[in-house]
Amino acid sequence: MANSPQAKKRARQIERRTAVNKSRRTRIRGFLRKVEEAISGGDQAVAADALKAAQPEIMRGVTKGIWHKKTASRKVSRLSARVKAMSA
C-alpha cells in the first residue's frame, strides 16, 4: 500500500494512464477486427478500405506507447499481404 504522498500520487496517475491505454488498445483492436472480418468476407475493396483506415490508428498506437514500432509494422505488413493476396 502506498504510504508517502508521492507514492499515493503515482498510484493515482497509474490508474488514469491505465484507463487511457486500455481504451486506446481496444480502439486499435476494433480497427484490426474490421480488417480481419473484411478479409474473411472475401471482398478485397472493403478489406483495402478497412486496412487504409486501420493503418494510421495502428501507428498512432506506436506514438502513444501502446505497441512497439516493429510490432505495428509487422501487423500492417501481414495484413496488407493478406489483402493483396485476395486479388490473386
Protein backbone atom coordinates (compact mmCIF):
# COMPACT_ATOMS: atom_id res chain seq x y z
CA MET A 1 0.00 0.00 0.00
CA ALA A 2 1.24 3.49 -0.85
CA ASN A 3 2.23 5.42 2.26
CA SER A 4 4.04 8.55 1.15
CA PRO A 5 2.18 11.35 -0.62
CA GLN A 6 4.34 10.83 -3.69
CA ALA A 7 3.53 7.11 -3.82
CA LYS A 8 -0.19 7.89 -3.47
CA LYS A 9 0.02 10.39 -6.32
CA ARG A 10 1.88 7.89 -8.52
CA ALA A 11 -0.81 5.29 -7.81
CA ARG A 12 -3.50 7.76 -8.95
CA GLN A 13 -1.52 8.63 -12.09
CA ILE A 14 -1.00 4.96 -12.96
CA GLU A 15 -4.72 4.33 -12.60
CA ARG A 16 -5.53 7.18 -15.02
CA ARG A 17 -2.88 6.12 -17.55
CA THR A 18 -4.08 2.52 -17.42
CA ALA A 19 -7.62 3.57 -18.29
CA VAL A 20 -6.42 5.70 -21.22
CA ASN A 21 -4.12 2.99 -22.56
CA LYS A 22 -6.85 0.38 -22.23
CA SER A 23 -9.26 2.44 -24.32
CA ARG A 24 -6.60 3.08 -26.97
CA ARG A 25 -5.72 -0.62 -27.15
CA THR A 26 -9.42 -1.52 -27.51
CA ARG A 27 -9.85 1.05 -30.28
CA ILE A 28 -6.91 -0.39 -32.23
CA ARG A 29 -8.23 -3.93 -31.81
CA GLY A 30 -11.57 -2.79 -33.21
CA PHE A 31 -9.89 -1.50 -36.36
CA LEU A 32 -7.93 -4.75 -36.70
CA ARG A 33 -11.12 -6.76 -36.27
CA LYS A 34 -12.78 -4.83 -39.11
CA VAL A 35 -9.88 -5.68 -41.42
CA GLU A 36 -9.99 -9.36 -40.40
CA GLU A 37 -13.74 -9.54 -40.99
CA ALA A 38 -13.39 -7.89 -44.40
CA ILE A 39 -10.66 -10.37 -45.37
CA SER A 40 -12.76 -13.35 -44.26
CA GLY A 41 -15.75 -11.81 -46.08
CA GLY A 42 -13.82 -12.05 -49.32
CA ASP A 43 -14.35 -8.51 -50.62
CA GLN A 44 -10.97 -7.02 -51.46
CA ALA A 45 -12.21 -3.44 -51.88
CA VAL A 46 -13.78 -3.42 -48.41
CA ALA A 47 -10.67 -5.05 -46.93
CA ALA A 48 -8.40 -2.48 -48.56
CA ASP A 49 -10.53 0.38 -47.22
CA ALA A 50 -10.54 -1.15 -43.74
CA LEU A 51 -6.76 -1.54 -43.86
CA LYS A 52 -6.35 2.06 -45.02
CA ALA A 53 -8.39 3.20 -42.01
CA ALA A 54 -6.58 0.88 -39.60
CA GLN A 55 -3.03 1.80 -40.59
CA PRO A 56 -2.91 5.31 -39.05
CA GLU A 57 -4.61 4.03 -35.89
CA ILE A 58 -2.00 1.31 -35.50
CA MET A 59 0.84 3.78 -35.98
CA ARG A 60 -0.80 6.20 -33.54
CA GLY A 61 -0.65 3.35 -31.03
CA VAL A 62 3.11 3.31 -31.55
CA THR A 63 3.49 7.03 -30.82
CA LYS A 64 1.32 6.67 -27.70
CA GLY A 65 3.38 3.75 -26.40
CA ILE A 66 0.72 1.08 -26.80
CA TRP A 67 2.78 -1.05 -29.18
CA HIS A 68 6.39 -1.27 -30.23
CA LYS A 69 7.15 0.14 -33.69
CA LYS A 70 8.25 -3.18 -35.13
CA THR A 71 5.17 -4.96 -33.79
CA ALA A 72 2.91 -2.46 -35.52
CA SER A 73 4.91 -2.63 -38.75
CA ARG A 74 4.74 -6.42 -38.72
CA LYS A 75 0.97 -6.39 -38.23
CA VAL A 76 0.42 -3.85 -41.01
CA SER A 77 2.72 -5.77 -43.34
CA ARG A 78 0.99 -9.11 -42.75
CA LEU A 79 -2.47 -7.61 -43.12
CA SER A 80 -1.55 -5.82 -46.34
CA ALA A 81 -0.05 -9.03 -47.73
CA ARG A 82 -3.29 -10.88 -46.97
CA VAL A 83 -5.37 -8.14 -48.60
CA LYS A 84 -3.12 -8.16 -51.65
CA ALA A 85 -3.31 -11.96 -51.89
CA MET A 86 -7.10 -11.76 -52.18
CA SER A 87 -6.83 -10.49 -55.77
CA ALA A 88 -4.73 -13.45 -56.91
